[in-house]
Amino acid sequence: MHIPKIKQNMRIYHESKGRPSEKKLPVVVVFKKPTGKKHHMMVTESSVDDILDNSKRNPLIPNNYEIVDIGVGETFIKKFKEQYDIK
């Protein structure tokens, strides 16, 4: 089916309307490996639910790691680095 060029332009214009996409807040996770005492930090734009979900086939953090702390926002990066002495 051939769509006239005028309607193609209208469709593209129509799809671009609406609320602009928002920047996702980073999720900061502090965790410990099962064999060590050292704290590690991971910063991701995935949701907190994706990190905590144990039923995923390939979780972001393996199930045997201990999650110590989770925070949403850029301020937690500096806060957790100082609190848990992460470099």
C-alpha atoms as a PDB file:
ATOM      1  CA  MET A   1       0.000   0.000   0.000  1.00  0.00           C
ATOM      2  CA  HIS A   2       1.421   3.347  -1.049  1.00  0.00           C
ATOM      3  CA  ILE A   3       1.014   6.281   1.356  1.00  0.00           C
ATOM      4  CA  PRO A   4       1.178   9.754  -0.199  1.00  0.00           C
ATOM      5  CA  LYS A   5       4.148  11.872   0.863  1.00  0.00           C
ATOM      6  CA  ILE A   6       1.984  14.490   2.610  1.00  0.00           C
ATOM      7  CA  LYS A   7       0.472  11.911   4.954  1.00  0.00           C
ATOM      8  CA  GLN A   8       3.907  10.469   5.743  1.00  0.00           C
ATOM      9  CA  ASN A   9       5.099  13.890   6.893  1.00  0.00           C
ATOM     10  CA  MET A  10       1.963  14.396   8.992  1.00  0.00           C
ATOM     11  CA  ARG A  11       2.451  11.045  10.685  1.00  0.00           C
ATOM     12  CA  ILE A  12       6.047  11.819  11.632  1.00  0.00           C
ATOM     13  CA  TYR A  13       5.024  15.227  12.953  1.00  0.00           C
ATOM     14  CA  HIS A  14       2.182  13.706  14.943  1.00  0.00           C
ATOM     15  CA  GLU A  15       4.398  11.084  16.606  1.00  0.00           C
ATOM     16  CA  SER A  16       6.881  13.668  17.842  1.00  0.00           C
ATOM     17  CA  LYS A  17       4.271  15.563  19.893  1.00  0.00           C
ATOM     18  CA  GLY A  18       3.731  14.901  23.549  1.00  0.00           C
ATOM     19  CA  ARG A  19       5.674  14.976  26.749  1.00  0.00           C
ATOM     20  CA  PRO A  20       9.452  15.072  26.254  1.00  0.00           C
ATOM     21  CA  SER A  21      11.338  12.075  27.584  1.00  0.00           C
ATOM     22  CA  GLU A  22      12.767  12.570  31.038  1.00  0.00           C
ATOM     23  CA  LYS A  23      16.336  11.772  31.994  1.00  0.00           C
ATOM     24  CA  LYS A  24      16.465   8.605  34.092  1.00  0.00           C
ATOM     25  CA  LEU A  25      17.881   8.934  37.575  1.00  0.00           C
ATOM     26  CA  PRO A  26      20.896   6.747  38.310  1.00  0.00           C
ATOM     27  CA  VAL A  27      20.475   3.913  40.787  1.00  0.00           C
ATOM     28  CA  VAL A  28      23.499   3.416  43.051  1.00  0.00           C
ATOM     29  CA  VAL A  29      24.023  -0.034  44.603  1.00  0.00           C
ATOM     30  CA  VAL A  30      26.638  -0.941  47.218  1.00  0.00           C
ATOM     31  CA  PHE A  31      27.280  -4.669  47.541  1.00  0.00           C
ATOM     32  CA  LYS A  32      29.751  -7.182  48.958  1.00  0.00           C
ATOM     33  CA  LYS A  33      31.006 -10.345  47.302  1.00  0.00           C
ATOM     34  CA  PRO A  34      30.429 -13.531  49.306  1.00  0.00           C
ATOM     35  CA  THR A  35      34.151 -14.181  49.829  1.00  0.00           C
ATOM     36  CA  GLY A  36      35.324 -10.679  50.721  1.00  0.00           C
ATOM     37  CA  LYS A  37      34.914  -7.807  53.118  1.00  0.00           C
ATOM     38  CA  LYS A  38      35.432  -5.068  50.527  1.00  0.00           C
ATOM     39  CA  HIS A  39      32.433  -2.998  49.387  1.00  0.00           C
ATOM     40  CA  HIS A  40      31.813  -2.482  45.670  1.00  0.00           C
ATOM     41  CA  MET A  41      29.595   0.116  44.007  1.00  0.00           C
ATOM     42  CA  MET A  42      27.588  -0.098  40.785  1.00  0.00           C
ATOM     43  CA  VAL A  43      25.787   2.825  39.123  1.00  0.00           C
ATOM     44  CA  THR A  44      23.087   1.985  36.566  1.00  0.00           C
ATOM     45  CA  GLU A  45      19.989   3.495  34.965  1.00  0.00           C
ATOM     46  CA  SER A  46      17.952   0.316  35.454  1.00  0.00           C
ATOM     47  CA  SER A  47      15.073   0.421  37.893  1.00  0.00           C
ATOM     48  CA  VAL A  48      15.432  -0.680  41.509  1.00  0.00           C
ATOM     49  CA  ASP A  49      12.963  -3.498  40.845  1.00  0.00           C
ATOM     50  CA  ASP A  50      15.240  -4.924  38.143  1.00  0.00           C
ATOM     51  CA  ILE A  51      18.147  -5.022  40.588  1.00  0.00           C
ATOM     52  CA  LEU A  52      16.199  -6.638  43.429  1.00  0.00           C
ATOM     53  CA  ASP A  53      14.431  -9.229  41.237  1.00  0.00           C
ATOM     54  CA  ASN A  54      15.950 -12.654  42.012  1.00  0.00           C
ATOM     55  CA  SER A  55      13.995 -14.499  39.345  1.00  0.00           C
ATOM     56  CA  LYS A  56      15.826 -12.918  36.383  1.00  0.00           C
ATOM     57  CA  ARG A  57      17.929 -15.212  34.263  1.00  0.00           C
ATOM     58  CA  ASN A  58      20.888 -12.793  34.144  1.00  0.00           C
ATOM     59  CA  PRO A  59      20.558 -10.463  37.144  1.00  0.00           C
ATOM     60  CA  LEU A  60      22.601  -7.272  37.265  1.00  0.00           C
ATOM     61  CA  ILE A  61      24.097  -8.364  40.591  1.00  0.00           C
ATOM     62  CA  PRO A  62      24.511 -12.127  41.154  1.00  0.00           C
ATOM     63  CA  ASN A  63      22.169 -13.678  43.686  1.00  0.00           C
ATOM     64  CA  ASN A  64      24.941 -14.736  46.059  1.00  0.00           C
ATOM     65  CA  TYR A  65      26.202 -11.136  46.513  1.00  0.00           C
ATOM     66  CA  GLU A  66      24.989  -9.211  49.564  1.00  0.00           C
ATOM     67  CA  ILE A  67      23.329  -5.890  48.741  1.00  0.00           C
ATOM     68  CA  VAL A  68      24.318  -3.466  51.495  1.00  0.00           C
ATOM     69  CA  ASP A  69      22.689  -0.204  50.351  1.00  0.00           C
ATOM     70  CA  ILE A  70      20.658   1.216  47.446  1.00  0.00           C
ATOM     71  CA  GLY A  71      19.999   4.850  46.572  1.00  0.00           C
ATOM     72  CA  VAL A  72      18.334   6.713  43.696  1.00  0.00           C
ATOM     73  CA  GLY A  73      20.033   9.891  42.464  1.00  0.00           C
ATOM     74  CA  GLU A  74      23.479  11.284  41.763  1.00  0.00           C
ATOM     75  CA  THR A  75      24.021  12.481  45.344  1.00  0.00           C
ATOM     76  CA  PHE A  76      24.297   8.890  46.564  1.00  0.00           C
ATOM     77  CA  ILE A  77      27.432   8.297  44.482  1.00  0.00           C
ATOM     78  CA  LYS A  78      29.506  10.691  46.577  1.00  0.00           C
ATOM     79  CA  LYS A  79      27.735   9.748  49.811  1.00  0.00           C
ATOM     80  CA  PHE A  80      28.336   6.001  49.423  1.00  0.00           C
ATOM     81  CA  LYS A  81      31.957   6.510  48.311  1.00  0.00           C
ATOM     82  CA  GLU A  82      32.703   8.343  51.542  1.00  0.00           C
ATOM     83  CA  GLN A  83      30.567   6.109  53.781  1.00  0.00           C
ATOM     84  CA  TYR A  84      31.938   2.758  52.545  1.00  0.00           C
ATOM     85  CA  ASP A  85      35.456   4.001  51.571  1.00  0.00           C
ATOM     86  CA  ILE A  86      35.083   3.095  47.886  1.00  0.00           C
ATOM     87  CA  LYS A  87      37.639   4.447  45.428  1.00  0.00           C
END
